[in-house]
């Protein structure tokens, strides 16, 4: 069993330093990139304090900060799950090349978002001649950086020596497997529509704090957010399902994964109907 997820009650818990070192050993490239995302938050906050410009009614540097924090969480989650990959996977040539492409996609994504903030222009839905090129490349990069969730799902599912209880393994696999298709649908729809708002074009300051989700019209960012967090929600349920009898635990995980996908779909349809997340399904 995992030395972190399922330690006996009496077993000593590893310190933060030992835990971080274990993460680094399990997946050094993604771990290093996640640390870089966390480190980048400090200069981003400084830029926000020093630069009083607004874009769309919010601080220019809010979007880079949100993406840095989101990518840090995403990457660290992948790093944690890397310990359940088949032995030797991360040292294989195909894997190193693939992860190198993913790292490049993340770096480009953040470079474009930060550059757009510095220039006071839009990073997403940028319709200028140059913006169309950079935004299109960023879209390709976004798809690329999301693919490890699916790759990890397949590899962990095929690993008979993961050391995980069946329900926990199923939860990790299903949580990871849901991320790519749900994200492609939600984010792809936003990109094709040229806006995350449906039914109007309100400014972000009127939305929910930090997230900016509209409280007036449909907002596709809500379903996109929950789509990406399937890799967290389903495994958390797996922690409890792993305590049930094996058959019941696996069934519980599958039912929850299906309900979670339906939940994301409901948020997606709600936004397409032009209804805000806090006032949806009203006549």
C-alpha atoms as a PDB file:
ATOM      1  CA  UNK A   1       0.000   0.000   0.000  1.00  0.00           C
ATOM      2  CA  UNK A   2       1.019   3.597  -0.427  1.00  0.00           C
ATOM      3  CA  UNK A   3       3.348   4.732   2.320  1.00  0.00           C
ATOM      4  CA  UNK A   4       1.492   8.064   2.515  1.00  0.00           C
ATOM      5  CA  UNK A   5      -2.147   7.307   1.783  1.00  0.00           C
ATOM      6  CA  UNK A   6      -2.616   4.306   4.043  1.00  0.00           C
ATOM      7  CA  UNK A   7      -0.178   4.442   6.929  1.00  0.00           C
ATOM      8  CA  UNK A   8      -1.382   2.598  10.025  1.00  0.00           C
ATOM      9  CA  UNK A   9      -2.662   4.770  12.838  1.00  0.00           C
ATOM     10  CA  UNK A  10       0.437   4.081  14.949  1.00  0.00           C
ATOM     11  CA  UNK A  11       2.976   4.572  12.145  1.00  0.00           C
ATOM     12  CA  UNK A  12       5.039   7.785  12.181  1.00  0.00           C
ATOM     13  CA  UNK A  13       4.018  10.287   9.552  1.00  0.00           C
ATOM     14  CA  UNK A  14       6.741  11.532   7.201  1.00  0.00           C
ATOM     15  CA  UNK A  15       7.809  15.141   7.639  1.00  0.00           C
ATOM     16  CA  UNK A  16       7.173  17.785   5.032  1.00  0.00           C
ATOM     17  CA  UNK A  17      10.775  17.657   3.819  1.00  0.00           C
ATOM     18  CA  UNK A  18      10.699  13.897   3.366  1.00  0.00           C
ATOM     19  CA  UNK A  19       7.338  14.130   1.623  1.00  0.00           C
ATOM     20  CA  UNK A  20       8.644  16.789  -0.797  1.00  0.00           C
ATOM     21  CA  UNK A  21      11.755  14.713  -1.505  1.00  0.00           C
ATOM     22  CA  UNK A  22       9.564  11.699  -2.270  1.00  0.00           C
ATOM     23  CA  UNK A  23       7.555  13.805  -4.717  1.00  0.00           C
ATOM     24  CA  UNK A  24      10.736  15.014  -6.400  1.00  0.00           C
ATOM     25  CA  UNK A  25      12.015  11.467  -6.820  1.00  0.00           C
ATOM     26  CA  UNK A  26       8.703  10.200  -8.170  1.00  0.00           C
ATOM     27  CA  UNK A  27       8.476  12.777 -10.982  1.00  0.00           C
ATOM     28  CA  UNK A  28      11.340  15.325 -11.017  1.00  0.00           C
ATOM     29  CA  UNK A  29      10.292  17.272 -14.129  1.00  0.00           C
ATOM     30  CA  UNK A  30       6.717  17.963 -13.110  1.00  0.00           C
ATOM     31  CA  UNK A  31       7.776  18.522  -9.523  1.00  0.00           C
ATOM     32  CA  UNK A  32      10.314  21.143 -10.588  1.00  0.00           C
ATOM     33  CA  UNK A  33       7.739  22.819 -12.794  1.00  0.00           C
ATOM     34  CA  UNK A  34       5.185  22.916  -9.969  1.00  0.00           C
ATOM     35  CA  UNK A  35       7.768  24.533  -7.690  1.00  0.00           C
ATOM     36  CA  UNK A  36       8.451  27.087 -10.436  1.00  0.00           C
ATOM     37  CA  UNK A  37       4.722  27.884 -10.624  1.00  0.00           C
ATOM     38  CA  UNK A  38       4.600  28.437  -6.867  1.00  0.00           C
ATOM     39  CA  UNK A  39       7.747  30.592  -6.978  1.00  0.00           C
ATOM     40  CA  UNK A  40       6.273  32.679  -9.804  1.00  0.00           C
ATOM     41  CA  UNK A  41       3.366  33.733  -7.599  1.00  0.00           C
ATOM     42  CA  UNK A  42       5.583  36.101  -5.583  1.00  0.00           C
ATOM     43  CA  UNK A  43       6.662  38.306  -8.531  1.00  0.00           C
ATOM     44  CA  UNK A  44       3.112  38.158  -9.865  1.00  0.00           C
ATOM     45  CA  UNK A  45       1.784  39.538  -6.580  1.00  0.00           C
ATOM     46  CA  UNK A  46       4.508  42.214  -6.643  1.00  0.00           C
ATOM     47  CA  UNK A  47       3.496  43.142 -10.201  1.00  0.00           C
ATOM     48  CA  UNK A  48      -0.133  43.424  -9.094  1.00  0.00           C
ATOM     49  CA  UNK A  49       0.862  45.760  -6.269  1.00  0.00           C
ATOM     50  CA  UNK A  50       3.118  47.873  -8.470  1.00  0.00           C
ATOM     51  CA  UNK A  51       0.856  47.971 -11.539  1.00  0.00           C
ATOM     52  CA  UNK A  52      -2.541  49.612 -11.015  1.00  0.00           C
ATOM     53  CA  UNK A  53      -3.865  48.901 -14.512  1.00  0.00           C
ATOM     54  CA  UNK A  54      -7.115  47.007 -14.947  1.00  0.00           C
ATOM     55  CA  UNK A  55      -8.287  44.774 -17.758  1.00  0.00           C
ATOM     56  CA  UNK A  56     -11.982  43.973 -17.968  1.00  0.00           C
ATOM     57  CA  UNK A  57     -12.440  45.706 -14.649  1.00  0.00           C
ATOM     58  CA  UNK A  58     -10.026  43.471 -12.703  1.00  0.00           C
ATOM     59  CA  UNK A  59      -6.326  43.661 -11.925  1.00  0.00           C
ATOM     60  CA  UNK A  60      -4.118  42.858 -14.917  1.00  0.00           C
ATOM     61  CA  UNK A  61      -2.210  40.271 -12.903  1.00  0.00           C
ATOM     62  CA  UNK A  62      -5.124  38.340 -11.419  1.00  0.00           C
ATOM     63  CA  UNK A  63      -5.326  35.927 -14.354  1.00  0.00           C
ATOM     64  CA  UNK A  64      -1.596  34.988 -14.253  1.00  0.00           C
ATOM     65  CA  UNK A  65      -1.873  34.417 -10.502  1.00  0.00           C
ATOM     66  CA  UNK A  66      -4.932  32.180 -10.913  1.00  0.00           C
ATOM     67  CA  UNK A  67      -3.251  30.137 -13.643  1.00  0.00           C
ATOM     68  CA  UNK A  68      -0.038  29.767 -11.642  1.00  0.00           C
ATOM     69  CA  UNK A  69      -1.949  28.481  -8.632  1.00  0.00           C
ATOM     70  CA  UNK A  70      -4.170  26.189 -10.727  1.00  0.00           C
ATOM     71  CA  UNK A  71      -1.218  24.729 -12.623  1.00  0.00           C
ATOM     72  CA  UNK A  72       0.721  24.212  -9.393  1.00  0.00           C
ATOM     73  CA  UNK A  73      -2.159  22.187  -7.935  1.00  0.00           C
ATOM     74  CA  UNK A  74      -2.605  20.217 -11.177  1.00  0.00           C
ATOM     75  CA  UNK A  75       1.095  19.411 -11.529  1.00  0.00           C
ATOM     76  CA  UNK A  76       1.567  18.462  -7.876  1.00  0.00           C
ATOM     77  CA  UNK A  77      -1.414  16.123  -8.144  1.00  0.00           C
ATOM     78  CA  UNK A  78       0.169  14.380 -11.125  1.00  0.00           C
ATOM     79  CA  UNK A  79       3.471  14.187  -9.258  1.00  0.00           C
ATOM     80  CA  UNK A  80       1.736  12.526  -6.310  1.00  0.00           C
ATOM     81  CA  UNK A  81       0.007   9.998  -8.556  1.00  0.00           C
ATOM     82  CA  UNK A  82       3.283   9.252 -10.384  1.00  0.00           C
ATOM     83  CA  UNK A  83       4.241   6.847  -7.566  1.00  0.00           C
ATOM     84  CA  UNK A  84       1.488   4.512  -8.767  1.00  0.00           C
ATOM     85  CA  UNK A  85       2.829   4.270 -12.325  1.00  0.00           C
ATOM     86  CA  UNK A  86       4.468   1.010 -13.396  1.00  0.00           C
ATOM     87  CA  UNK A  87       8.032   0.779 -12.109  1.00  0.00           C
ATOM     88  CA  UNK A  88      10.547   2.463 -14.391  1.00  0.00           C
ATOM     89  CA  UNK A  89       7.986   4.442 -16.397  1.00  0.00           C
ATOM     90  CA  UNK A  90       9.452   7.869 -15.690  1.00  0.00           C
ATOM     91  CA  UNK A  91      12.918   6.766 -16.801  1.00  0.00           C
ATOM     92  CA  UNK A  92      11.779   5.481 -20.190  1.00  0.00           C
ATOM     93  CA  UNK A  93      12.766   7.514 -23.233  1.00  0.00           C
ATOM     94  CA  UNK A  94       9.247   7.916 -24.621  1.00  0.00           C
ATOM     95  CA  UNK A  95       8.055   9.215 -21.279  1.00  0.00           C
ATOM     96  CA  UNK A  96      10.883  11.743 -20.927  1.00  0.00           C
ATOM     97  CA  UNK A  97      10.234  13.080 -24.430  1.00  0.00           C
ATOM     98  CA  UNK A  98       6.494  13.265 -23.794  1.00  0.00           C
ATOM     99  CA  UNK A  99       6.854  15.032 -20.443  1.00  0.00           C
ATOM    100  CA  UNK A 100       9.337  17.415 -22.052  1.00  0.00           C
ATOM    101  CA  UNK A 101       6.616  18.429 -24.517  1.00  0.00           C
ATOM    102  CA  UNK A 102       4.136  18.855 -21.643  1.00  0.00           C
ATOM    103  CA  UNK A 103       6.591  21.028 -19.720  1.00  0.00           C
ATOM    104  CA  UNK A 104       7.161  23.171 -22.812  1.00  0.00           C
ATOM    105  CA  UNK A 105       3.388  23.562 -23.214  1.00  0.00           C
ATOM    106  CA  UNK A 106       2.991  24.718 -19.602  1.00  0.00           C
ATOM    107  CA  UNK A 107       5.883  27.185 -19.912  1.00  0.00           C
ATOM    108  CA  UNK A 108       4.453  28.626 -23.117  1.00  0.00           C
ATOM    109  CA  UNK A 109       0.963  28.886 -21.629  1.00  0.00           C
ATOM    110  CA  UNK A 110       2.200  30.865 -18.642  1.00  0.00           C
ATOM    111  CA  UNK A 111       4.581  32.973 -20.727  1.00  0.00           C
ATOM    112  CA  UNK A 112       1.738  34.065 -23.002  1.00  0.00           C
ATOM    113  CA  UNK A 113      -0.646  34.817 -20.135  1.00  0.00           C
ATOM    114  CA  UNK A 114       2.022  36.816 -18.277  1.00  0.00           C
ATOM    115  CA  UNK A 115       3.065  38.659 -21.439  1.00  0.00           C
ATOM    116  CA  UNK A 116      -0.535  39.589 -22.190  1.00  0.00           C
ATOM    117  CA  UNK A 117      -0.922  40.903 -18.641  1.00  0.00           C
ATOM    118  CA  UNK A 118       2.242  42.983 -18.997  1.00  0.00           C
ATOM    119  CA  UNK A 119       0.984  44.383 -22.308  1.00  0.00           C
ATOM    120  CA  UNK A 120      -2.481  45.070 -20.884  1.00  0.00           C
ATOM    121  CA  UNK A 121      -4.211  42.930 -23.484  1.00  0.00           C
ATOM    122  CA  UNK A 122      -6.313  39.768 -23.507  1.00  0.00           C
ATOM    123  CA  UNK A 123      -4.604  36.389 -23.363  1.00  0.00           C
ATOM    124  CA  UNK A 124      -7.830  34.504 -24.084  1.00  0.00           C
ATOM    125  CA  UNK A 125     -10.172  35.346 -26.971  1.00  0.00           C
ATOM    126  CA  UNK A 126      -7.594  37.770 -28.358  1.00  0.00           C
ATOM    127  CA  UNK A 127      -8.766  38.679 -31.873  1.00  0.00           C
ATOM    128  CA  UNK A 128      -5.807  40.831 -32.944  1.00  0.00           C
ATOM    129  CA  UNK A 129      -3.719  39.344 -35.782  1.00  0.00           C
ATOM    130  CA  UNK A 130      -0.845  38.536 -33.437  1.00  0.00           C
ATOM    131  CA  UNK A 131      -3.199  37.529 -30.626  1.00  0.00           C
ATOM    132  CA  UNK A 132      -4.962  34.956 -32.797  1.00  0.00           C
ATOM    133  CA  UNK A 133      -1.648  33.218 -33.455  1.00  0.00           C
ATOM    134  CA  UNK A 134      -0.489  33.237 -29.838  1.00  0.00           C
ATOM    135  CA  UNK A 135      -3.906  32.284 -28.498  1.00  0.00           C
ATOM    136  CA  UNK A 136      -4.226  29.401 -30.964  1.00  0.00           C
ATOM    137  CA  UNK A 137      -0.838  28.076 -29.885  1.00  0.00           C
ATOM    138  CA  UNK A 138      -1.894  28.474 -26.256  1.00  0.00           C
ATOM    139  CA  UNK A 139      -5.019  26.436 -26.993  1.00  0.00           C
ATOM    140  CA  UNK A 140      -2.876  23.651 -28.448  1.00  0.00           C
ATOM    141  CA  UNK A 141      -0.651  23.888 -25.393  1.00  0.00           C
ATOM    142  CA  UNK A 142      -3.645  23.689 -23.052  1.00  0.00           C
ATOM    143  CA  UNK A 143      -4.772  20.440 -24.675  1.00  0.00           C
ATOM    144  CA  UNK A 144      -1.222  19.073 -24.487  1.00  0.00           C
ATOM    145  CA  UNK A 145      -0.773  19.853 -20.803  1.00  0.00           C
ATOM    146  CA  UNK A 146      -4.107  18.185 -20.004  1.00  0.00           C
ATOM    147  CA  UNK A 147      -3.215  14.872 -21.695  1.00  0.00           C
ATOM    148  CA  UNK A 148      -1.052  13.527 -18.817  1.00  0.00           C
ATOM    149  CA  UNK A 149      -4.240  12.966 -16.833  1.00  0.00           C
ATOM    150  CA  UNK A 150      -5.408  10.448 -19.432  1.00  0.00           C
ATOM    151  CA  UNK A 151      -1.949   8.923 -19.886  1.00  0.00           C
ATOM    152  CA  UNK A 152      -1.585   8.438 -16.131  1.00  0.00           C
ATOM    153  CA  UNK A 153      -5.066   6.919 -15.926  1.00  0.00           C
ATOM    154  CA  UNK A 154      -4.173   4.251 -18.500  1.00  0.00           C
ATOM    155  CA  UNK A 155      -0.767   3.490 -16.996  1.00  0.00           C
ATOM    156  CA  UNK A 156      -2.036   3.230 -13.420  1.00  0.00           C
ATOM    157  CA  UNK A 157      -4.969   1.062 -14.521  1.00  0.00           C
ATOM    158  CA  UNK A 158      -2.514  -1.339 -16.184  1.00  0.00           C
ATOM    159  CA  UNK A 159      -0.177  -1.495 -13.196  1.00  0.00           C
ATOM    160  CA  UNK A 160      -0.873  -4.634 -11.140  1.00  0.00           C
ATOM    161  CA  UNK A 161       1.742  -3.613  -8.569  1.00  0.00           C
ATOM    162  CA  UNK A 162       0.402  -0.163  -7.666  1.00  0.00           C
ATOM    163  CA  UNK A 163      -0.019  -1.220  -4.030  1.00  0.00           C
ATOM    164  CA  UNK A 164      -3.431   0.441  -3.889  1.00  0.00           C
ATOM    165  CA  UNK A 165      -6.673  -1.060  -2.562  1.00  0.00           C
ATOM    166  CA  UNK A 166      -8.971  -1.796  -5.532  1.00  0.00           C
ATOM    167  CA  UNK A 167     -11.471   0.970  -4.720  1.00  0.00           C
ATOM    168  CA  UNK A 168      -8.718   3.559  -4.294  1.00  0.00           C
ATOM    169  CA  UNK A 169      -7.028   2.520  -7.524  1.00  0.00           C
ATOM    170  CA  UNK A 170     -10.333   2.729  -9.375  1.00  0.00           C
ATOM    171  CA  UNK A 171     -10.999   6.175  -7.911  1.00  0.00           C
ATOM    172  CA  UNK A 172      -7.624   7.520  -9.033  1.00  0.00           C
ATOM    173  CA  UNK A 173      -7.999   6.018 -12.500  1.00  0.00           C
ATOM    174  CA  UNK A 174     -11.549   7.272 -13.020  1.00  0.00           C
ATOM    175  CA  UNK A 175     -10.782  10.712 -11.580  1.00  0.00           C
ATOM    176  CA  UNK A 176      -7.841  11.132 -13.926  1.00  0.00           C
ATOM    177  CA  UNK A 177      -9.721   9.650 -16.880  1.00  0.00           C
ATOM    178  CA  UNK A 178     -12.580  12.147 -16.555  1.00  0.00           C
ATOM    179  CA  UNK A 179     -10.366  15.228 -16.732  1.00  0.00           C
ATOM    180  CA  UNK A 180      -9.421  15.214 -20.418  1.00  0.00           C
ATOM    181  CA  UNK A 181     -12.836  14.556 -22.029  1.00  0.00           C
ATOM    182  CA  UNK A 182     -14.719  16.869 -19.676  1.00  0.00           C
ATOM    183  CA  UNK A 183     -12.130  19.615 -20.137  1.00  0.00           C
ATOM    184  CA  UNK A 184     -12.072  19.266 -23.916  1.00  0.00           C
ATOM    185  CA  UNK A 185     -15.845  19.721 -24.055  1.00  0.00           C
ATOM    186  CA  UNK A 186     -16.076  22.642 -21.651  1.00  0.00           C
ATOM    187  CA  UNK A 187     -12.927  24.499 -22.669  1.00  0.00           C
ATOM    188  CA  UNK A 188     -13.389  23.665 -26.350  1.00  0.00           C
ATOM    189  CA  UNK A 189     -16.886  25.156 -26.299  1.00  0.00           C
ATOM    190  CA  UNK A 190     -15.584  28.344 -24.677  1.00  0.00           C
ATOM    191  CA  UNK A 191     -12.899  28.670 -27.318  1.00  0.00           C
ATOM    192  CA  UNK A 192     -15.295  28.084 -30.202  1.00  0.00           C
ATOM    193  CA  UNK A 193     -17.795  30.624 -28.823  1.00  0.00           C
ATOM    194  CA  UNK A 194     -15.138  33.268 -28.291  1.00  0.00           C
ATOM    195  CA  UNK A 195     -16.325  33.975 -24.739  1.00  0.00           C
ATOM    196  CA  UNK A 196     -16.974  32.214 -21.473  1.00  0.00           C
ATOM    197  CA  UNK A 197     -20.200  34.207 -20.971  1.00  0.00           C
ATOM    198  CA  UNK A 198     -23.510  33.057 -22.457  1.00  0.00           C
ATOM    199  CA  UNK A 199     -26.429  35.473 -22.601  1.00  0.00           C
ATOM    200  CA  UNK A 200     -24.496  38.689 -22.122  1.00  0.00           C
ATOM    201  CA  UNK A 201     -21.076  40.193 -21.548  1.00  0.00           C
ATOM    202  CA  UNK A 202     -20.908  41.287 -17.898  1.00  0.00           C
ATOM    203  CA  UNK A 203     -17.617  42.339 -16.350  1.00  0.00           C
ATOM    204  CA  UNK A 204     -15.752  40.015 -14.005  1.00  0.00           C
ATOM    205  CA  UNK A 205     -15.851  42.408 -11.002  1.00  0.00           C
ATOM    206  CA  UNK A 206     -19.568  41.707 -10.660  1.00  0.00           C
ATOM    207  CA  UNK A 207     -18.920  37.980 -10.365  1.00  0.00           C
ATOM    208  CA  UNK A 208     -17.886  35.741  -7.500  1.00  0.00           C
ATOM    209  CA  UNK A 209     -14.758  36.932  -5.666  1.00  0.00           C
ATOM    210  CA  UNK A 210     -11.455  35.617  -7.099  1.00  0.00           C
ATOM    211  CA  UNK A 211     -13.163  33.250  -9.557  1.00  0.00           C
ATOM    212  CA  UNK A 212     -15.075  35.996 -11.343  1.00  0.00           C
ATOM    213  CA  UNK A 213     -17.913  33.618 -12.232  1.00  0.00           C
ATOM    214  CA  UNK A 214     -20.900  35.593 -13.410  1.00  0.00           C
ATOM    215  CA  UNK A 215     -23.895  36.007 -11.151  1.00  0.00           C
ATOM    216  CA  UNK A 216     -25.928  37.491 -14.020  1.00  0.00           C
ATOM    217  CA  UNK A 217     -25.546  35.195 -17.053  1.00  0.00           C
ATOM    218  CA  UNK A 218     -24.256  31.749 -17.959  1.00  0.00           C
ATOM    219  CA  UNK A 219     -20.535  31.210 -17.367  1.00  0.00           C
ATOM    220  CA  UNK A 220     -18.769  28.215 -18.922  1.00  0.00           C
ATOM    221  CA  UNK A 221     -15.801  28.605 -16.587  1.00  0.00           C
ATOM    222  CA  UNK A 222     -17.791  26.952 -13.797  1.00  0.00           C
ATOM    223  CA  UNK A 223     -18.128  23.597 -15.556  1.00  0.00           C
ATOM    224  CA  UNK A 224     -14.540  23.895 -16.772  1.00  0.00           C
ATOM    225  CA  UNK A 225     -13.330  24.349 -13.195  1.00  0.00           C
ATOM    226  CA  UNK A 226     -15.133  21.270 -11.899  1.00  0.00           C
ATOM    227  CA  UNK A 227     -14.063  19.253 -14.951  1.00  0.00           C
ATOM    228  CA  UNK A 228     -10.404  19.770 -14.105  1.00  0.00           C
ATOM    229  CA  UNK A 229     -10.975  18.866 -10.453  1.00  0.00           C
ATOM    230  CA  UNK A 230     -12.395  15.425 -11.165  1.00  0.00           C
ATOM    231  CA  UNK A 231      -8.844  14.204 -10.459  1.00  0.00           C
ATOM    232  CA  UNK A 232      -9.285  15.402  -6.873  1.00  0.00           C
ATOM    233  CA  UNK A 233     -12.960  14.804  -6.129  1.00  0.00           C
ATOM    234  CA  UNK A 234     -13.155  11.151  -7.166  1.00  0.00           C
ATOM    235  CA  UNK A 235      -9.942  10.043  -5.382  1.00  0.00           C
ATOM    236  CA  UNK A 236     -11.110  11.789  -2.192  1.00  0.00           C
ATOM    237  CA  UNK A 237     -14.256   9.694  -2.334  1.00  0.00           C
ATOM    238  CA  UNK A 238     -11.989   6.704  -2.921  1.00  0.00           C
ATOM    239  CA  UNK A 239     -10.353   7.229   0.469  1.00  0.00           C
ATOM    240  CA  UNK A 240     -13.693   6.423   2.106  1.00  0.00           C
ATOM    241  CA  UNK A 241     -14.762   3.769  -0.413  1.00  0.00           C
ATOM    242  CA  UNK A 242     -11.521   1.860   0.223  1.00  0.00           C
ATOM    243  CA  UNK A 243     -12.802   1.133   3.751  1.00  0.00           C
ATOM    244  CA  UNK A 244     -15.839  -0.686   2.387  1.00  0.00           C
ATOM    245  CA  UNK A 245     -15.911  -4.314   1.226  1.00  0.00           C
ATOM    246  CA  UNK A 246     -14.094  -4.548  -2.107  1.00  0.00           C
ATOM    247  CA  UNK A 247     -17.144  -4.974  -4.340  1.00  0.00           C
ATOM    248  CA  UNK A 248     -19.116  -2.261  -2.558  1.00  0.00           C
ATOM    249  CA  UNK A 249     -16.152   0.104  -2.591  1.00  0.00           C
ATOM    250  CA  UNK A 250     -15.578  -0.209  -6.318  1.00  0.00           C
ATOM    251  CA  UNK A 251     -19.297   0.179  -7.053  1.00  0.00           C
ATOM    252  CA  UNK A 252     -19.426   3.289  -4.868  1.00  0.00           C
ATOM    253  CA  UNK A 253     -16.513   4.816  -6.759  1.00  0.00           C
ATOM    254  CA  UNK A 254     -18.079   4.094 -10.136  1.00  0.00           C
ATOM    255  CA  UNK A 255     -21.425   5.565  -9.123  1.00  0.00           C
ATOM    256  CA  UNK A 256     -19.768   8.685  -7.729  1.00  0.00           C
ATOM    257  CA  UNK A 257     -17.637   9.134 -10.868  1.00  0.00           C
ATOM    258  CA  UNK A 258     -20.765   8.881 -13.023  1.00  0.00           C
ATOM    259  CA  UNK A 259     -22.632  11.351 -10.819  1.00  0.00           C
ATOM    260  CA  UNK A 260     -19.692  13.740 -10.891  1.00  0.00           C
ATOM    261  CA  UNK A 261     -19.625  13.644 -14.703  1.00  0.00           C
ATOM    262  CA  UNK A 262     -23.372  14.347 -14.725  1.00  0.00           C
ATOM    263  CA  UNK A 263     -22.808  17.228 -12.302  1.00  0.00           C
ATOM    264  CA  UNK A 264     -20.265  18.805 -14.654  1.00  0.00           C
ATOM    265  CA  UNK A 265     -22.619  18.226 -17.573  1.00  0.00           C
ATOM    266  CA  UNK A 266     -25.454  19.926 -15.653  1.00  0.00           C
ATOM    267  CA  UNK A 267     -23.271  22.970 -14.956  1.00  0.00           C
ATOM    268  CA  UNK A 268     -22.290  23.037 -18.624  1.00  0.00           C
ATOM    269  CA  UNK A 269     -25.907  22.918 -19.843  1.00  0.00           C
ATOM    270  CA  UNK A 270     -26.898  25.490 -17.242  1.00  0.00           C
ATOM    271  CA  UNK A 271     -24.298  27.906 -18.607  1.00  0.00           C
ATOM    272  CA  UNK A 272     -25.353  27.257 -22.213  1.00  0.00           C
ATOM    273  CA  UNK A 273     -28.897  28.205 -21.168  1.00  0.00           C
ATOM    274  CA  UNK A 274     -27.550  31.569 -20.050  1.00  0.00           C
ATOM    275  CA  UNK A 275     -28.191  30.924 -16.354  1.00  0.00           C
ATOM    276  CA  UNK A 276     -25.655  31.856 -13.658  1.00  0.00           C
ATOM    277  CA  UNK A 277     -24.405  29.162 -11.328  1.00  0.00           C
ATOM    278  CA  UNK A 278     -26.010  30.734  -8.233  1.00  0.00           C
ATOM    279  CA  UNK A 279     -29.318  31.431  -9.898  1.00  0.00           C
ATOM    280  CA  UNK A 280     -29.659  28.584 -12.361  1.00  0.00           C
ATOM    281  CA  UNK A 281     -32.576  26.432 -13.314  1.00  0.00           C
ATOM    282  CA  UNK A 282     -35.017  29.252 -12.794  1.00  0.00           C
ATOM    283  CA  UNK A 283     -37.842  30.054 -15.168  1.00  0.00           C
END
